[in-house]
Amino acid sequence: MLRLISADPFMHVVIRRYRSEGCLENELTYDFPLGTVLARCDDVFRHDRLGEIPMAILVARSDERMTSDPYSYERRESGLLFVDDNDAVLDLTLLPDYDKNPLLSRIYGIVKLTGARTALEKLLEDRRPEAVLSETRDGFDVRNEIARALFAVVEKHVKRIYIEEDKRERKGADIALRNSISDSRTLSRS
């Protein structure tokens, strides 16, 4: 969740761990993977209680396969970082319907939600308070109607990309399997 901060060359994130043998200090760094930008688009998320939240979406494909774990945010590299105006990460997901697809392990990107922090804080202070983020603060609460509506707007832009990436990865796996079978037949004839 600190990717944007630790990828910034002007920021230095230091982790200090205090143990019986003393203080261990390491700098946390992150480099976004090299890849190809698949889409850049803008949209506006409109909701009666939140108003209008401009969105900027960037989706890319990594040149290398990344760690993809739908159950552990700590081990996951792929996915879209949903960030607010201050680049604070709100979620890391490909969207709930796609998180468990291992063929999307090269997809990553950013969804910047301008004004989201203010809108979400206002929603918490409302007469009928509502939390859109999960209690554990590890992403949007997928049971929440606002979160589902937000994901639907993002899905409108990324679904085609995900389908094409799925097909591309399947085609690559089929070619690799055929080559492997061909190679084994060649070896058995020798």
N, C-alpha and C. Protein backbone atom coordinates (compact mmCIF):
# COMPACT_ATOMS: atom_id res chain seq x y z
N MET A 1 0.81 -1.20 0.00
CA MET A 1 0.00 0.00 0.00
C MET A 1 0.85 1.27 0.00
N LEU A 2 2.15 1.12 0.15
CA LEU A 2 3.06 2.27 0.14
C LEU A 2 3.77 2.42 -1.20
N ARG A 3 3.28 1.76 -2.23
CA ARG A 3 3.98 1.76 -3.53
C ARG A 3 4.22 3.15 -4.09
N LEU A 4 3.21 3.98 -4.12
CA LEU A 4 3.39 5.31 -4.71
C LEU A 4 4.42 6.12 -3.94
N ILE A 5 4.39 6.00 -2.63
CA ILE A 5 5.33 6.75 -1.81
C ILE A 5 6.75 6.22 -2.00
N SER A 6 6.90 4.89 -1.90
CA SER A 6 8.25 4.33 -1.98
C SER A 6 8.80 4.28 -3.40
N ALA A 7 7.96 4.47 -4.41
CA ALA A 7 8.45 4.54 -5.80
C ALA A 7 8.93 5.94 -6.15
N ASP A 8 8.56 6.93 -5.36
CA ASP A 8 8.95 8.31 -5.61
C ASP A 8 10.43 8.49 -5.26
N PRO A 9 11.26 8.88 -6.23
CA PRO A 9 12.70 8.99 -5.96
C PRO A 9 13.04 10.10 -4.95
N PHE A 10 12.11 10.99 -4.67
CA PHE A 10 12.36 12.07 -3.73
C PHE A 10 11.89 11.72 -2.32
N MET A 11 11.32 10.54 -2.16
CA MET A 11 10.83 10.10 -0.84
C MET A 11 11.72 8.97 -0.34
N HIS A 12 11.93 8.93 0.95
CA HIS A 12 12.69 7.86 1.58
C HIS A 12 11.86 7.32 2.73
N VAL A 13 11.42 6.08 2.59
CA VAL A 13 10.63 5.43 3.63
C VAL A 13 11.58 4.48 4.36
N VAL A 14 11.73 4.71 5.64
CA VAL A 14 12.64 3.91 6.44
C VAL A 14 11.81 3.09 7.43
N ILE A 15 12.15 1.81 7.52
CA ILE A 15 11.49 0.92 8.47
C ILE A 15 12.48 0.62 9.57
N ARG A 16 12.06 0.87 10.80
CA ARG A 16 12.90 0.56 11.96
C ARG A 16 12.22 -0.54 12.76
N ARG A 17 12.96 -1.60 12.98
CA ARG A 17 12.45 -2.73 13.76
C ARG A 17 13.33 -2.85 15.00
N TYR A 18 12.68 -2.76 16.13
CA TYR A 18 13.41 -2.83 17.39
C TYR A 18 13.35 -4.26 17.91
N ARG A 19 14.51 -4.87 18.06
CA ARG A 19 14.65 -6.23 18.54
C ARG A 19 15.59 -6.23 19.73
N SER A 20 15.72 -7.39 20.35
CA SER A 20 16.61 -7.48 21.51
C SER A 20 18.06 -7.16 21.15
N GLU A 21 18.44 -7.46 19.89
CA GLU A 21 19.81 -7.17 19.46
C GLU A 21 20.00 -5.71 19.00
N GLY A 22 18.95 -4.92 19.10
CA GLY A 22 19.07 -3.52 18.73
C GLY A 22 18.06 -3.13 17.65
N CYS A 23 18.31 -2.02 17.03
CA CYS A 23 17.42 -1.48 16.00
C CYS A 23 17.92 -1.87 14.61
N LEU A 24 17.06 -2.50 13.86
CA LEU A 24 17.38 -2.84 12.48
C LEU A 24 16.67 -1.83 11.60
N GLU A 25 17.39 -1.26 10.66
CA GLU A 25 16.83 -0.21 9.82
C GLU A 25 17.01 -0.56 8.35
N ASN A 26 15.93 -0.47 7.59
CA ASN A 26 15.96 -0.73 6.15
C ASN A 26 15.15 0.34 5.45
N GLU A 27 15.59 0.67 4.23
CA GLU A 27 14.81 1.59 3.41
C GLU A 27 13.85 0.77 2.55
N LEU A 28 12.62 1.19 2.51
CA LEU A 28 11.60 0.53 1.70
C LEU A 28 11.60 1.19 0.33
N THR A 29 11.81 0.39 -0.70
CA THR A 29 11.80 0.93 -2.06
C THR A 29 10.86 0.08 -2.91
N TYR A 30 10.38 0.67 -3.98
CA TYR A 30 9.52 -0.05 -4.92
C TYR A 30 9.69 0.57 -6.30
N ASP A 31 9.85 -0.27 -7.28
CA ASP A 31 9.88 0.18 -8.67
C ASP A 31 8.71 -0.47 -9.38
N PHE A 32 7.87 0.34 -9.99
CA PHE A 32 6.79 -0.23 -10.77
C PHE A 32 7.39 -1.05 -11.89
N PRO A 33 6.77 -2.17 -12.24
CA PRO A 33 7.35 -3.01 -13.30
C PRO A 33 7.34 -2.32 -14.65
N LEU A 34 8.29 -2.71 -15.48
CA LEU A 34 8.28 -2.22 -16.86
C LEU A 34 7.10 -2.86 -17.57
N GLY A 35 6.46 -2.10 -18.41
CA GLY A 35 5.30 -2.66 -19.09
C GLY A 35 4.78 -1.76 -20.18
N THR A 36 3.63 -2.13 -20.68
CA THR A 36 2.97 -1.42 -21.77
C THR A 36 1.67 -0.83 -21.26
N VAL A 37 1.46 0.45 -21.51
CA VAL A 37 0.19 1.07 -21.12
C VAL A 37 -0.88 0.57 -22.09
N LEU A 38 -1.93 -0.02 -21.53
CA LEU A 38 -3.02 -0.56 -22.34
C LEU A 38 -4.18 0.43 -22.47
N ALA A 39 -4.34 1.28 -21.47
CA ALA A 39 -5.45 2.26 -21.54
C ALA A 39 -5.21 3.40 -20.56
N ARG A 40 -5.62 4.56 -21.00
CA ARG A 40 -5.71 5.77 -20.15
C ARG A 40 -7.08 6.34 -20.42
N CYS A 41 -7.86 6.54 -19.40
CA CYS A 41 -9.18 7.11 -19.62
C CYS A 41 -9.63 7.90 -18.40
N ASP A 42 -10.54 8.79 -18.65
CA ASP A 42 -11.13 9.61 -17.59
C ASP A 42 -12.63 9.38 -17.58
N ASP A 43 -13.20 9.48 -16.40
CA ASP A 43 -14.65 9.34 -16.25
C ASP A 43 -15.02 10.10 -14.98
N VAL A 44 -16.30 10.13 -14.69
CA VAL A 44 -16.78 10.75 -13.46
C VAL A 44 -17.71 9.76 -12.78
N PHE A 45 -17.43 9.50 -11.50
CA PHE A 45 -18.31 8.66 -10.70
C PHE A 45 -19.34 9.59 -10.07
N ARG A 46 -20.60 9.33 -10.36
CA ARG A 46 -21.69 10.16 -9.84
C ARG A 46 -22.53 9.35 -8.87
N HIS A 47 -22.77 9.95 -7.70
CA HIS A 47 -23.60 9.28 -6.70
C HIS A 47 -24.36 10.34 -5.92
N ASP A 48 -25.61 10.04 -5.60
CA ASP A 48 -26.46 11.01 -4.90
C ASP A 48 -25.83 11.51 -3.61
N ARG A 49 -25.21 10.63 -2.85
CA ARG A 49 -24.67 11.02 -1.55
C ARG A 49 -23.24 11.55 -1.63
N LEU A 50 -22.52 11.22 -2.69
CA LEU A 50 -21.12 11.66 -2.80
C LEU A 50 -20.91 12.82 -3.76
N GLY A 51 -21.86 13.01 -4.65
CA GLY A 51 -21.68 14.02 -5.69
C GLY A 51 -20.88 13.44 -6.84
N GLU A 52 -20.06 14.27 -7.47
CA GLU A 52 -19.26 13.83 -8.60
C GLU A 52 -17.79 13.70 -8.20
N ILE A 53 -17.22 12.55 -8.54
CA ILE A 53 -15.81 12.29 -8.25
C ILE A 53 -15.11 11.96 -9.57
N PRO A 54 -14.30 12.89 -10.07
CA PRO A 54 -13.55 12.62 -11.31
C PRO A 54 -12.58 11.45 -11.10
N MET A 55 -12.48 10.62 -12.13
CA MET A 55 -11.61 9.45 -12.08
C MET A 55 -10.62 9.48 -13.24
N ALA A 56 -9.37 9.16 -12.97
CA ALA A 56 -8.37 8.97 -14.02
C ALA A 56 -7.86 7.54 -13.89
N ILE A 57 -8.02 6.76 -14.95
CA ILE A 57 -7.68 5.34 -14.91
C ILE A 57 -6.50 5.08 -15.85
N LEU A 58 -5.49 4.39 -15.34
CA LEU A 58 -4.36 3.96 -16.15
C LEU A 58 -4.20 2.45 -15.92
N VAL A 59 -4.20 1.70 -17.02
CA VAL A 59 -4.04 0.24 -16.94
C VAL A 59 -2.84 -0.16 -17.79
N ALA A 60 -1.98 -1.02 -17.24
CA ALA A 60 -0.78 -1.45 -17.95
C ALA A 60 -0.60 -2.97 -17.82
N ARG A 61 0.21 -3.50 -18.71
CA ARG A 61 0.58 -4.92 -18.67
C ARG A 61 2.08 -5.00 -18.41
N SER A 62 2.46 -5.70 -17.37
CA SER A 62 3.86 -5.88 -17.03
C SER A 62 4.53 -6.81 -18.04
N ASP A 63 5.81 -6.55 -18.32
CA ASP A 63 6.57 -7.43 -19.19
C ASP A 63 6.79 -8.79 -18.54
N GLU A 64 6.80 -8.81 -17.22
CA GLU A 64 7.03 -10.05 -16.46
C GLU A 64 5.78 -10.38 -15.64
N ARG A 65 5.60 -11.66 -15.37
CA ARG A 65 4.50 -12.09 -14.50
C ARG A 65 4.75 -11.54 -13.09
N MET A 66 3.71 -11.06 -12.46
CA MET A 66 3.83 -10.50 -11.12
C MET A 66 3.14 -11.42 -10.11
N THR A 67 3.46 -11.25 -8.84
CA THR A 67 2.80 -12.01 -7.80
C THR A 67 1.35 -11.57 -7.74
N SER A 68 0.46 -12.55 -7.79
CA SER A 68 -0.97 -12.27 -7.74
C SER A 68 -1.59 -13.14 -6.68
N ASP A 69 -2.07 -12.55 -5.61
CA ASP A 69 -2.68 -13.31 -4.52
C ASP A 69 -3.98 -12.62 -4.12
N PRO A 70 -5.13 -13.19 -4.51
CA PRO A 70 -6.40 -12.53 -4.21
C PRO A 70 -6.73 -12.49 -2.72
N TYR A 71 -6.02 -13.26 -1.91
CA TYR A 71 -6.33 -13.34 -0.48
C TYR A 71 -5.36 -12.56 0.39
N SER A 72 -4.24 -12.10 -0.17
CA SER A 72 -3.24 -11.42 0.64
C SER A 72 -2.74 -10.16 -0.07
N TYR A 73 -3.12 -9.02 0.45
CA TYR A 73 -2.67 -7.76 -0.13
C TYR A 73 -1.17 -7.57 0.05
N GLU A 74 -0.61 -8.17 1.10
CA GLU A 74 0.81 -8.00 1.37
C GLU A 74 1.68 -8.64 0.30
N ARG A 75 1.22 -9.75 -0.27
CA ARG A 75 2.02 -10.48 -1.24
C ARG A 75 1.66 -10.13 -2.67
N ARG A 76 0.71 -9.28 -2.88
CA ARG A 76 0.20 -9.03 -4.21
C ARG A 76 0.92 -7.88 -4.90
N GLU A 77 1.28 -8.08 -6.17
CA GLU A 77 1.88 -7.01 -6.97
C GLU A 77 0.92 -6.52 -8.05
N SER A 78 0.11 -7.42 -8.58
CA SER A 78 -0.81 -7.02 -9.65
C SER A 78 -2.02 -6.33 -9.05
N GLY A 79 -2.80 -5.70 -9.92
CA GLY A 79 -4.02 -5.04 -9.47
C GLY A 79 -3.98 -3.54 -9.71
N LEU A 80 -5.13 -2.93 -9.53
CA LEU A 80 -5.27 -1.49 -9.68
C LEU A 80 -5.22 -0.84 -8.31
N LEU A 81 -4.34 0.14 -8.16
CA LEU A 81 -4.29 0.93 -6.92
C LEU A 81 -5.35 2.01 -7.03
N PHE A 82 -6.32 2.00 -6.15
CA PHE A 82 -7.30 3.08 -6.07
C PHE A 82 -6.75 4.08 -5.08
N VAL A 83 -6.52 5.32 -5.53
CA VAL A 83 -5.90 6.33 -4.67
C VAL A 83 -6.76 7.59 -4.63
N ASP A 84 -6.61 8.34 -3.54
CA ASP A 84 -7.31 9.61 -3.42
C ASP A 84 -6.41 10.75 -3.89
N ASP A 85 -6.83 11.98 -3.65
CA ASP A 85 -6.09 13.18 -4.07
C ASP A 85 -4.67 13.23 -3.53
N ASN A 86 -4.47 12.67 -2.32
CA ASN A 86 -3.16 12.71 -1.67
C ASN A 86 -2.35 11.45 -1.95
N ASP A 87 -2.78 10.67 -2.93
CA ASP A 87 -2.14 9.40 -3.29
C ASP A 87 -2.18 8.38 -2.16
N ALA A 88 -3.11 8.55 -1.22
CA ALA A 88 -3.32 7.52 -0.20
C ALA A 88 -4.08 6.38 -0.86
N VAL A 89 -3.60 5.16 -0.66
CA VAL A 89 -4.22 4.00 -1.30
C VAL A 89 -5.50 3.62 -0.57
N LEU A 90 -6.58 3.52 -1.32
CA LEU A 90 -7.87 3.12 -0.78
C LEU A 90 -8.11 1.63 -0.99
N ASP A 91 -7.56 1.08 -2.06
CA ASP A 91 -7.76 -0.34 -2.36
C ASP A 91 -6.71 -0.79 -3.37
N LEU A 92 -6.51 -2.09 -3.44
CA LEU A 92 -5.66 -2.71 -4.44
C LEU A 92 -6.44 -3.92 -4.95
N THR A 93 -6.99 -3.81 -6.14
CA THR A 93 -7.84 -4.87 -6.68
C THR A 93 -7.91 -4.77 -8.20
N LEU A 94 -8.17 -5.90 -8.82
CA LEU A 94 -8.51 -5.90 -10.25
C LEU A 94 -10.01 -5.71 -10.41
N LEU A 95 -10.74 -5.72 -9.35
CA LEU A 95 -12.18 -5.68 -9.14
C LEU A 95 -12.60 -7.07 -8.67
N PRO A 96 -13.60 -7.16 -7.81
CA PRO A 96 -13.94 -8.44 -7.19
C PRO A 96 -14.16 -9.61 -8.17
N ASP A 97 -14.76 -9.38 -9.30
CA ASP A 97 -15.03 -10.47 -10.24
C ASP A 97 -13.78 -10.96 -10.96
N TYR A 98 -12.67 -10.25 -10.87
CA TYR A 98 -11.46 -10.59 -11.63
C TYR A 98 -10.26 -10.94 -10.76
N ASP A 99 -10.34 -10.68 -9.47
CA ASP A 99 -9.19 -10.87 -8.58
C ASP A 99 -8.65 -12.30 -8.57
N LYS A 100 -9.49 -13.27 -8.77
CA LYS A 100 -9.05 -14.67 -8.67
C LYS A 100 -8.60 -15.25 -10.01
N ASN A 101 -8.55 -14.43 -11.06
CA ASN A 101 -8.14 -14.92 -12.37
C ASN A 101 -6.61 -14.83 -12.49
N PRO A 102 -5.91 -15.99 -12.45
CA PRO A 102 -4.44 -15.96 -12.50
C PRO A 102 -3.90 -15.48 -13.85
N LEU A 103 -4.74 -15.48 -14.89
CA LEU A 103 -4.28 -15.04 -16.20
C LEU A 103 -4.15 -13.52 -16.28
N LEU A 104 -4.60 -12.82 -15.25
CA LEU A 104 -4.50 -11.37 -15.21
C LEU A 104 -3.34 -10.90 -14.32
N SER A 105 -2.40 -11.81 -14.05
CA SER A 105 -1.31 -11.49 -13.12
C SER A 105 -0.32 -10.47 -13.65
N ARG A 106 -0.42 -10.08 -14.91
CA ARG A 106 0.47 -9.05 -15.45
C ARG A 106 -0.18 -7.65 -15.43
N ILE A 107 -1.44 -7.58 -15.08
CA ILE A 107 -2.18 -6.31 -15.15
C ILE A 107 -1.99 -5.51 -13.86
N TYR A 108 -1.66 -4.25 -14.02
CA TYR A 108 -1.54 -3.32 -12.89
C TYR A 108 -1.93 -1.93 -13.37
N GLY A 109 -2.13 -1.03 -12.43
CA GLY A 109 -2.47 0.34 -12.81
C GLY A 109 -2.91 1.17 -11.62
N ILE A 110 -3.45 2.33 -11.95
CA ILE A 110 -3.88 3.29 -10.92
C ILE A 110 -5.23 3.85 -11.31
N VAL A 111 -6.10 3.97 -10.30
CA VAL A 111 -7.38 4.67 -10.47
C VAL A 111 -7.34 5.82 -9.47
N LYS A 112 -7.17 7.04 -10.00
CA LYS A 112 -7.11 8.22 -9.13
C LYS A 112 -8.50 8.81 -9.00
N LEU A 113 -8.98 8.94 -7.76
CA LEU A 113 -10.32 9.44 -7.46
C LEU A 113 -10.19 10.83 -6.83
N THR A 114 -10.33 11.86 -7.63
CA THR A 114 -10.16 13.23 -7.16
C THR A 114 -11.37 13.65 -6.34
N GLY A 115 -11.12 13.99 -5.08
CA GLY A 115 -12.20 14.40 -4.18
C GLY A 115 -12.76 13.26 -3.35
N ALA A 116 -12.20 12.07 -3.50
CA ALA A 116 -12.73 10.90 -2.79
C ALA A 116 -12.56 11.03 -1.28
N ARG A 117 -11.41 11.53 -0.85
CA ARG A 117 -11.16 11.64 0.60
C ARG A 117 -12.23 12.52 1.26
N THR A 118 -12.47 13.68 0.70
CA THR A 118 -13.47 14.60 1.26
C THR A 118 -14.86 13.98 1.23
N ALA A 119 -15.20 13.34 0.12
CA ALA A 119 -16.53 12.73 -0.02
C ALA A 119 -16.72 11.60 0.98
N LEU A 120 -15.71 10.76 1.16
CA LEU A 120 -15.83 9.65 2.10
C LEU A 120 -15.89 10.13 3.55
N GLU A 121 -15.12 11.17 3.87
CA GLU A 121 -15.18 11.74 5.22
C GLU A 121 -16.55 12.35 5.48
N LYS A 122 -17.09 13.06 4.50
CA LYS A 122 -18.42 13.66 4.63
C LYS A 122 -19.48 12.57 4.85
N LEU A 123 -19.33 11.47 4.16
CA LEU A 123 -20.27 10.36 4.28
C LEU A 123 -20.23 9.77 5.69
N LEU A 124 -19.06 9.74 6.29
CA LEU A 124 -18.93 9.21 7.66
C LEU A 124 -19.53 10.16 8.69
N GLU A 125 -19.56 11.46 8.37
CA GLU A 125 -20.09 12.46 9.29
C GLU A 125 -21.56 12.78 9.05
N ASP A 126 -22.15 12.14 8.08
CA ASP A 126 -23.55 12.36 7.69
C ASP A 126 -24.50 11.91 8.81
N ARG A 127 -25.76 12.35 8.70
CA ARG A 127 -26.78 11.91 9.68
C ARG A 127 -26.97 10.40 9.62
N ARG A 128 -26.84 9.86 8.43
CA ARG A 128 -26.87 8.40 8.25
C ARG A 128 -25.46 7.98 7.82
N PRO A 129 -24.53 7.88 8.76
CA PRO A 129 -23.14 7.59 8.40
C PRO A 129 -23.01 6.24 7.68
N GLU A 130 -22.08 6.23 6.76
CA GLU A 130 -21.85 5.02 5.97
C GLU A 130 -20.36 4.90 5.69
N ALA A 131 -19.82 3.73 5.98
CA ALA A 131 -18.41 3.45 5.71
C ALA A 131 -18.31 2.68 4.40
N VAL A 132 -17.62 3.25 3.43
CA VAL A 132 -17.44 2.61 2.13
C VAL A 132 -16.20 1.72 2.15
N LEU A 133 -15.22 2.08 2.99
CA LEU A 133 -14.03 1.25 3.15
C LEU A 133 -14.31 0.18 4.20
N SER A 134 -13.64 -0.95 4.09
CA SER A 134 -13.84 -2.04 5.03
C SER A 134 -13.35 -1.64 6.42
N GLU A 135 -13.83 -2.34 7.43
CA GLU A 135 -13.43 -2.04 8.80
C GLU A 135 -11.93 -2.21 9.00
N THR A 136 -11.34 -3.13 8.27
CA THR A 136 -9.90 -3.39 8.40
C THR A 136 -9.06 -2.40 7.58
N ARG A 137 -9.72 -1.52 6.83
CA ARG A 137 -9.06 -0.50 6.01
C ARG A 137 -8.13 -1.11 4.96
N ASP A 138 -8.47 -2.30 4.47
CA ASP A 138 -7.66 -2.91 3.43
C ASP A 138 -8.35 -2.85 2.08
N GLY A 139 -9.28 -1.92 1.93
CA GLY A 139 -9.94 -1.74 0.65
C GLY A 139 -11.40 -1.38 0.82
N PHE A 140 -12.07 -1.27 -0.32
CA PHE A 140 -13.49 -0.97 -0.30
C PHE A 140 -14.27 -2.18 0.22
N ASP A 141 -15.36 -1.91 0.91
CA ASP A 141 -16.25 -2.97 1.38
C ASP A 141 -17.11 -3.38 0.19
N VAL A 142 -16.86 -4.56 -0.37
CA VAL A 142 -17.55 -4.98 -1.59
C VAL A 142 -19.04 -5.22 -1.38
N ARG A 143 -19.49 -5.25 -0.12
CA ARG A 143 -20.93 -5.37 0.15
C ARG A 143 -21.62 -4.02 0.09
N ASN A 144 -20.83 -2.95 0.10
CA ASN A 144 -21.38 -1.60 0.11
C ASN A 144 -21.87 -1.20 -1.29
N GLU A 145 -23.05 -0.63 -1.37
CA GLU A 145 -23.65 -0.24 -2.66
C GLU A 145 -22.82 0.82 -3.38
N ILE A 146 -22.24 1.75 -2.64
CA ILE A 146 -21.43 2.80 -3.26
C ILE A 146 -20.16 2.19 -3.87
N ALA A 147 -19.52 1.29 -3.11
CA ALA A 147 -18.31 0.63 -3.63
C ALA A 147 -18.64 -0.17 -4.88
N ARG A 148 -19.75 -0.90 -4.86
CA ARG A 148 -20.13 -1.69 -6.04
C ARG A 148 -20.41 -0.79 -7.24
N ALA A 149 -21.04 0.37 -6.99
CA ALA A 149 -21.32 1.32 -8.08
C ALA A 149 -20.02 1.90 -8.64
N LEU A 150 -19.07 2.20 -7.76
CA LEU A 150 -17.76 2.70 -8.20
C LEU A 150 -17.05 1.65 -9.05
N PHE A 151 -17.04 0.42 -8.58
CA PHE A 151 -16.41 -0.66 -9.34
C PHE A 151 -17.07 -0.86 -10.70
N ALA A 152 -18.39 -0.65 -10.77
CA ALA A 152 -19.10 -0.81 -12.05
C ALA A 152 -18.62 0.22 -13.07
N VAL A 153 -18.36 1.45 -12.62
CA VAL A 153 -17.86 2.48 -13.53
C VAL A 153 -16.46 2.12 -14.01
N VAL A 154 -15.61 1.64 -13.11
CA VAL A 154 -14.26 1.24 -13.50
C VAL A 154 -14.33 0.04 -14.44
N GLU A 155 -15.18 -0.91 -14.13
CA GLU A 155 -15.30 -2.11 -14.96
C GLU A 155 -15.69 -1.78 -16.39
N LYS A 156 -16.49 -0.75 -16.55
CA LYS A 156 -16.89 -0.31 -17.90
C LYS A 156 -15.65 -0.04 -18.76
N HIS A 157 -14.57 0.41 -18.15
CA HIS A 157 -13.35 0.75 -18.88
C HIS A 157 -12.34 -0.40 -18.96
N VAL A 158 -12.33 -1.28 -17.95
CA VAL A 158 -11.28 -2.31 -17.90
C VAL A 158 -11.74 -3.69 -18.34
N LYS A 159 -13.02 -3.93 -18.40
CA LYS A 159 -13.51 -5.28 -18.73
C LYS A 159 -12.96 -5.77 -20.07
N ARG A 160 -13.01 -4.94 -21.09
CA ARG A 160 -12.51 -5.32 -22.41
C ARG A 160 -11.02 -5.66 -22.33
N ILE A 161 -10.26 -4.89 -21.58
CA ILE A 161 -8.83 -5.14 -21.42
C ILE A 161 -8.61 -6.48 -20.73
N TYR A 162 -9.37 -6.74 -19.70
CA TYR A 162 -9.22 -8.00 -18.96
C TYR A 162 -9.56 -9.19 -19.85
N ILE A 163 -10.61 -9.08 -20.64
CA ILE A 163 -11.01 -10.17 -21.54
C ILE A 163 -9.92 -10.42 -22.57
N GLU A 164 -9.38 -9.35 -23.16
CA GLU A 164 -8.31 -9.50 -24.15
C GLU A 164 -7.05 -10.09 -23.52
N GLU A 165 -6.72 -9.69 -22.31
CA GLU A 165 -5.53 -10.22 -21.63
C GLU A 165 -5.73 -11.71 -21.31
N ASP A 166 -6.91 -12.07 -20.88
CA ASP A 166 -7.23 -13.47 -20.60
C ASP A 166 -7.03 -14.31 -21.87
N LYS A 167 -7.56 -13.84 -23.00
CA LYS A 167 -7.41 -14.55 -24.28
C LYS A 167 -5.94 -14.63 -24.68
N ARG A 168 -5.23 -13.54 -24.53
CA ARG A 168 -3.80 -13.49 -24.90
C ARG A 168 -2.99 -14.49 -24.08
N GLU A 169 -3.26 -14.55 -22.78
CA GLU A 169 -2.54 -15.48 -21.90
C GLU A 169 -2.91 -16.92 -22.23
N ARG A 170 -4.18 -17.18 -22.52
CA ARG A 170 -4.60 -18.55 -22.88
C ARG A 170 -3.94 -18.98 -24.19
N LYS A 171 -3.90 -18.05 -25.15
CA LYS A 171 -3.27 -18.36 -26.44
C LYS A 171 -1.78 -18.67 -26.24
N GLY A 172 -1.13 -17.88 -25.41
CA GLY A 172 0.28 -18.12 -25.11
C GLY A 172 0.49 -19.46 -24.44
N ALA A 173 -0.40 -19.85 -23.54
CA ALA A 173 -0.30 -21.14 -22.85
C ALA A 173 -0.52 -22.28 -23.85
N ASP A 174 -1.46 -22.10 -24.77
CA ASP A 174 -1.72 -23.12 -25.80
C ASP A 174 -0.50 -23.30 -26.69
N ILE A 175 0.12 -22.21 -27.11
CA ILE A 175 1.32 -22.28 -27.96
C ILE A 175 2.45 -22.96 -27.21
N ALA A 176 2.65 -22.61 -25.94
CA ALA A 176 3.71 -23.22 -25.14
C ALA A 176 3.46 -24.72 -24.99
N LEU A 177 2.20 -25.12 -24.78
CA LEU A 177 1.87 -26.53 -24.64
C LEU A 177 2.15 -27.27 -25.95
N ARG A 178 1.72 -26.68 -27.08
CA ARG A 178 1.98 -27.31 -28.38
C ARG A 178 3.46 -27.44 -28.65
N ASN A 179 4.24 -26.42 -28.33
CA ASN A 179 5.70 -26.49 -28.51
C ASN A 179 6.31 -27.57 -27.63
N SER A 180 5.82 -27.67 -26.40
CA SER A 180 6.31 -28.68 -25.48
C SER A 180 6.01 -30.09 -26.00
N ILE A 181 4.80 -30.29 -26.50
CA ILE A 181 4.42 -31.59 -27.07
C ILE A 181 5.27 -31.90 -28.29
N SER A 182 5.46 -30.90 -29.15
CA SER A 182 6.27 -31.07 -30.36
C SER A 182 7.71 -31.42 -29.99
N ASP A 183 8.26 -30.72 -28.97
CA ASP A 183 9.63 -31.00 -28.55
C ASP A 183 9.76 -32.41 -27.99
N SER A 184 8.76 -32.85 -27.21
CA SER A 184 8.84 -34.19 -26.62
C SER A 184 8.72 -35.27 -27.70
N ARG A 185 7.92 -35.01 -28.74
CA ARG A 185 7.81 -35.97 -29.85
C ARG A 185 9.13 -36.05 -30.62
N THR A 186 9.75 -34.91 -30.82
CA THR A 186 11.04 -34.87 -31.52
C THR A 186 12.08 -35.66 -30.73
N LEU A 187 12.11 -35.47 -29.41
CA LEU A 187 13.06 -36.19 -28.56
C LEU A 187 12.80 -37.69 -28.57
N SER A 188 11.52 -38.09 -28.59
CA SER A 188 11.20 -39.52 -28.52
C SER A 188 11.58 -40.22 -29.84
N ARG A 189 11.59 -39.48 -30.95
CA ARG A 189 11.98 -40.06 -32.24
C ARG A 189 13.49 -40.23 -32.35
N SER A 190 14.23 -39.47 -31.59
CA SER A 190 15.71 -39.49 -31.69
C SER A 190 16.31 -40.76 -31.15
